[in-house]
Amino acid sequence: MNSGIYDVNFENRENEGTTRPIRQSRHQDEGKAQMCGGSRCLVLITVGLLLIRVLLLVFIILQHITITAERDLIKSYKNTVEEFNQTINSLQDNYTDLMIEKHQLQNIFNFVIQKKLELETKVSNLTTEKDQLQISVESLTQKKLELESRVTSLNDELGKKASKRYFFSTSSELKSWSDSRQYCRDHGGDLVIINTEEKQRHISSFIKESVWIGLSDSENEGNMKWVDNSPLNQG
């Protein structure tokens, strides 16, 4: 830059007085240009710094918003997880209670089944016993009929052998002395008179139960008489 100035000075030696002011003006312009360039750079740097600060502020704000949002989201997640855990614990407790109740019901069911089997066994045994009793009743009924037939045959046989006819009731109904005598009278007879030892042995041989005989003190208490009004001492 200086060589150019000197060249201009050599070419215009005759006009030295006029060239210096020109050189001085150029130096001033260059200084002004340098001053303008420095101010412009300072402005640009300031603007750049401001932009950087604004960007940093925006970044910090965005980071704060993001962190706050993430923190809230994490808190929400934690609350949700706690609710889920509480729900799971509650469900677990309910499940445990239901399992206990299930086991209790299973035990009750098993007990009922056992009782049912026992009752079925008892019913079966009772049915068997009933059948056996039914058979026994039928057998006893048959024996009763046979005994009644034998009694009838014996009565017929005794009626043929004895000089007097003896009748033995086959009814199971218990009667008083008066009713028994009336029963005999209704059938054309009377209570038996046992006035000999032979007759007593004869009647006792086929009578195994207690029976009424024709002896009473109904007419005169303490004075025993037979139904034919004969006294007891004659028997």
Protein backbone atom coordinates (compact mmCIF):
# COMPACT_ATOMS: atom_id res chain seq x y z
CA MET A 1 0.00 0.00 0.00
CA ASN A 2 2.93 2.39 0.72
CA SER A 3 4.68 1.59 -2.60
CA GLY A 4 1.58 2.68 -4.44
CA ILE A 5 1.62 5.97 -2.62
CA TYR A 6 5.27 6.50 -3.45
CA ASP A 7 4.67 5.78 -7.11
CA VAL A 8 2.03 8.40 -7.21
CA ASN A 9 4.37 10.82 -5.56
CA PHE A 10 7.12 10.19 -8.16
CA GLU A 11 4.83 10.72 -11.05
CA ASN A 12 3.52 13.98 -9.66
CA ARG A 13 6.65 15.63 -8.37
CA GLU A 14 5.74 18.91 -9.87
CA ASN A 15 2.63 19.04 -7.96
CA GLU A 16 4.00 17.98 -4.60
CA GLY A 17 1.90 20.43 -2.75
CA THR A 18 -1.28 18.96 -4.02
CA THR A 19 -0.44 15.27 -3.59
CA ARG A 20 0.12 15.35 0.20
CA PRO A 21 -3.31 16.46 1.03
CA ILE A 22 -4.61 13.63 -1.10
CA ARG A 23 -2.42 11.10 0.75
CA GLN A 24 -3.55 12.50 4.07
CA SER A 25 -7.23 12.22 3.00
CA ARG A 26 -6.73 8.60 2.06
CA HIS A 27 -5.29 7.85 5.48
CA GLN A 28 -8.29 9.45 7.08
CA ASP A 29 -10.63 7.44 4.90
CA GLU A 30 -8.82 4.27 5.79
CA GLY A 31 -9.09 5.15 9.52
CA LYS A 32 -12.74 5.87 9.15
CA ALA A 33 -13.18 2.64 7.27
CA GLN A 34 -11.35 0.78 10.00
CA MET A 35 -13.47 2.49 12.65
CA CYS A 36 -16.65 1.65 10.77
CA GLY A 37 -15.55 -1.95 10.36
CA GLY A 38 -14.78 -2.26 14.08
CA SER A 39 -18.15 -0.82 15.06
CA ARG A 40 -19.87 -3.12 12.66
CA CYS A 41 -18.02 -6.12 14.07
CA LEU A 42 -18.86 -5.03 17.61
CA VAL A 43 -22.53 -4.75 16.67
CA LEU A 44 -22.44 -8.13 15.03
CA ILE A 45 -20.72 -9.65 18.04
CA THR A 46 -23.22 -8.00 20.37
CA VAL A 47 -26.14 -9.18 18.26
CA GLY A 48 -24.60 -12.63 18.09
CA LEU A 49 -24.12 -12.73 21.85
CA LEU A 50 -27.69 -11.55 22.34
CA LEU A 51 -28.92 -14.25 19.98
CA ILE A 52 -26.84 -16.82 21.82
CA ARG A 53 -28.23 -15.64 25.15
CA VAL A 54 -31.76 -15.71 23.76
CA LEU A 55 -31.16 -19.18 22.36
CA LEU A 56 -29.66 -20.31 25.67
CA LEU A 57 -32.63 -18.82 27.52
CA VAL A 58 -35.05 -20.52 25.14
CA PHE A 59 -33.10 -23.76 25.51
CA ILE A 60 -33.11 -23.46 29.30
CA ILE A 61 -36.84 -22.71 29.30
CA LEU A 62 -37.51 -25.64 26.99
CA GLN A 63 -35.32 -27.88 29.14
CA HIS A 64 -37.13 -26.69 32.26
CA ILE A 65 -40.49 -27.34 30.60
CA THR A 66 -39.30 -30.74 29.41
CA ILE A 67 -37.87 -31.66 32.81
CA THR A 68 -41.04 -30.44 34.55
CA ALA A 69 -43.18 -32.41 32.11
CA GLU A 70 -41.01 -35.48 32.56
CA ARG A 71 -41.11 -35.03 36.33
CA ASP A 72 -44.90 -34.74 36.24
CA LEU A 73 -45.05 -37.73 33.93
CA ILE A 74 -42.79 -39.74 36.25
CA LYS A 75 -44.93 -38.70 39.20
CA SER A 76 -48.02 -39.72 37.27
CA TYR A 77 -46.36 -43.03 36.41
CA LYS A 78 -45.46 -43.54 40.07
CA ASN A 79 -49.04 -42.80 41.13
CA THR A 80 -50.31 -45.16 38.46
CA VAL A 81 -47.86 -47.83 39.56
CA GLU A 82 -48.90 -47.36 43.19
CA GLU A 83 -52.56 -47.64 42.21
CA PHE A 84 -51.76 -50.75 40.20
CA ASN A 85 -49.85 -52.20 43.15
CA GLN A 86 -52.74 -51.43 45.49
CA THR A 87 -55.16 -52.97 43.03
CA ILE A 88 -52.92 -56.02 42.66
CA ASN A 89 -52.62 -56.35 46.44
CA SER A 90 -56.37 -56.01 46.82
CA LEU A 91 -56.94 -58.59 44.10
CA GLN A 92 -54.37 -60.86 45.75
CA ASP A 93 -56.18 -60.53 49.07
CA ASN A 94 -59.49 -61.23 47.37
CA TYR A 95 -57.95 -64.21 45.62
CA THR A 96 -56.59 -65.53 48.92
CA ASP A 97 -60.00 -65.09 50.58
CA LEU A 98 -61.70 -66.81 47.66
CA MET A 99 -59.24 -69.69 47.81
CA ILE A 100 -59.87 -70.08 51.54
CA GLU A 101 -63.61 -70.00 50.93
CA LYS A 102 -63.17 -72.48 48.09
CA HIS A 103 -61.30 -74.86 50.38
CA GLN A 104 -63.98 -74.48 53.04
CA LEU A 105 -66.72 -75.16 50.50
CA GLN A 106 -64.75 -78.13 49.20
CA ASN A 107 -64.50 -79.51 52.72
CA ILE A 108 -68.23 -78.97 53.26
CA PHE A 109 -68.95 -80.62 49.93
CA ASN A 110 -66.76 -83.60 50.84
CA PHE A 111 -68.50 -83.82 54.22
CA VAL A 112 -71.92 -83.75 52.55
CA ILE A 113 -70.83 -86.40 50.05
CA GLN A 114 -69.55 -88.55 52.91
CA LYS A 115 -72.83 -88.12 54.79
CA LYS A 116 -74.74 -88.94 51.62
CA LEU A 117 -72.77 -92.14 51.20
CA GLU A 118 -73.34 -93.02 54.85
CA LEU A 119 -77.07 -92.35 54.50
CA GLU A 120 -77.20 -94.43 51.33
CA THR A 121 -75.46 -97.24 53.21
CA LYS A 122 -77.93 -96.89 56.11
CA VAL A 123 -80.87 -96.85 53.70
CA SER A 124 -79.51 -99.95 52.01
CA ASN A 125 -79.05 -101.66 55.37
CA LEU A 126 -82.52 -100.59 56.48
CA THR A 127 -83.96 -101.85 53.22
CA THR A 128 -82.21 -105.18 53.73
CA GLU A 129 -83.42 -105.28 57.34
CA LYS A 130 -86.93 -104.37 56.21
CA ASP A 131 -86.87 -107.17 53.67
CA GLN A 132 -85.67 -109.57 56.34
CA LEU A 133 -88.36 -108.35 58.74
CA GLN A 134 -90.92 -108.70 55.98
CA ILE A 135 -89.78 -112.26 55.45
CA SER A 136 -89.94 -112.83 59.22
CA VAL A 137 -93.44 -111.33 59.37
CA GLU A 138 -94.56 -113.52 56.52
CA SER A 139 -92.97 -116.52 58.22
CA LEU A 140 -94.61 -115.64 61.55
CA THR A 141 -97.91 -115.08 59.81
CA GLN A 142 -97.59 -118.48 58.22
CA LYS A 143 -96.72 -120.02 61.59
CA LYS A 144 -99.67 -118.22 63.17
CA LEU A 145 -101.96 -119.66 60.55
CA GLU A 146 -100.44 -123.08 61.10
CA LEU A 147 -100.87 -122.73 64.88
CA GLU A 148 -104.44 -121.57 64.46
CA SER A 149 -105.03 -124.55 62.23
CA ARG A 150 -103.45 -126.82 64.81
CA VAL A 151 -105.54 -125.26 67.60
CA THR A 152 -108.64 -125.80 65.53
CA SER A 153 -107.62 -129.39 64.91
CA LEU A 154 -106.89 -129.89 68.60
CA ASN A 155 -110.24 -128.40 69.52
CA ASP A 156 -111.91 -130.76 67.11
CA GLU A 157 -109.90 -133.66 68.45
CA LEU A 158 -110.62 -132.74 72.06
CA GLY A 159 -114.26 -132.34 71.21
CA LYS A 160 -114.30 -135.88 69.95
CA LYS A 161 -112.41 -137.34 72.92
CA ALA A 162 -114.00 -135.44 75.77
CA SER A 163 -117.47 -136.10 76.99
CA LYS A 164 -118.00 -132.42 77.05
CA ARG A 165 -117.07 -129.98 74.37
CA TYR A 166 -114.21 -127.54 75.16
CA PHE A 167 -113.78 -124.41 73.04
CA PHE A 168 -110.55 -122.36 73.01
CA SER A 169 -110.71 -118.91 71.52
CA THR A 170 -107.93 -118.08 69.03
CA SER A 171 -108.46 -114.35 69.41
CA SER A 172 -105.47 -112.34 70.66
CA GLU A 173 -107.76 -109.85 72.40
CA LEU A 174 -107.60 -109.94 76.21
CA LYS A 175 -110.99 -110.13 77.92
CA SER A 176 -112.24 -109.86 81.49
CA TRP A 177 -113.79 -112.83 83.30
CA SER A 178 -117.30 -111.58 82.62
CA ASP A 179 -116.58 -110.90 78.94
CA SER A 180 -114.97 -114.30 78.57
CA ARG A 181 -117.99 -116.02 80.11
CA GLN A 182 -120.33 -114.06 77.90
CA TYR A 183 -118.23 -115.04 74.89
CA CYS A 184 -118.59 -118.70 75.82
CA ARG A 185 -122.31 -118.30 76.32
CA ASP A 186 -122.63 -116.63 72.93
CA HIS A 187 -121.06 -119.77 71.47
CA GLY A 188 -123.39 -122.10 73.36
CA GLY A 189 -121.13 -122.99 76.27
CA ASP A 190 -119.67 -121.66 79.51
CA LEU A 191 -116.34 -121.33 81.26
CA VAL A 192 -114.80 -124.70 82.12
CA ILE A 193 -115.43 -126.33 85.48
CA ILE A 194 -112.44 -128.25 86.80
CA ASN A 195 -113.79 -130.46 89.52
CA THR A 196 -111.36 -133.38 89.21
CA GLU A 197 -107.59 -133.72 89.11
CA GLU A 198 -107.79 -135.79 85.94
CA LYS A 199 -109.66 -133.02 84.17
CA GLN A 200 -107.14 -130.49 85.45
CA ARG A 201 -104.20 -132.53 84.10
CA HIS A 202 -106.02 -133.08 80.85
CA ILE A 203 -106.70 -129.38 80.28
CA SER A 204 -103.21 -128.32 81.46
CA SER A 205 -101.62 -130.65 78.90
CA PHE A 206 -102.66 -128.47 75.95
CA ILE A 207 -102.97 -125.05 77.60
CA LYS A 208 -99.68 -123.08 77.78
CA GLU A 209 -101.11 -119.67 78.60
CA SER A 210 -103.28 -118.15 81.32
CA VAL A 211 -107.00 -118.66 80.74
CA TRP A 212 -110.19 -117.95 82.57
CA ILE A 213 -112.00 -120.87 84.23
CA GLY A 214 -115.53 -121.06 85.55
CA LEU A 215 -114.69 -120.09 89.12
CA SER A 216 -115.63 -116.71 90.66
CA ASP A 217 -116.87 -114.86 93.74
CA SER A 218 -118.81 -112.29 91.73
CA GLU A 219 -122.09 -113.11 93.46
CA ASN A 220 -120.70 -113.22 97.01
CA GLU A 221 -117.25 -111.80 97.54
CA GLY A 222 -114.97 -114.25 99.28
CA ASN A 223 -117.22 -117.21 98.50
CA MET A 224 -115.78 -118.90 95.42
CA LYS A 225 -118.26 -120.84 93.31
CA TRP A 226 -118.21 -122.53 89.96
CA VAL A 227 -120.46 -121.29 87.21
CA ASP A 228 -122.89 -124.14 88.01
CA ASN A 229 -123.14 -122.71 91.59
CA SER A 230 -121.25 -125.65 93.06
CA PRO A 231 -118.79 -124.67 95.82
CA LEU A 232 -115.02 -124.81 95.33
CA ASN A 233 -114.46 -127.54 97.90
CA GLN A 234 -116.27 -130.00 95.67
CA GLY A 235 -113.58 -129.64 93.00
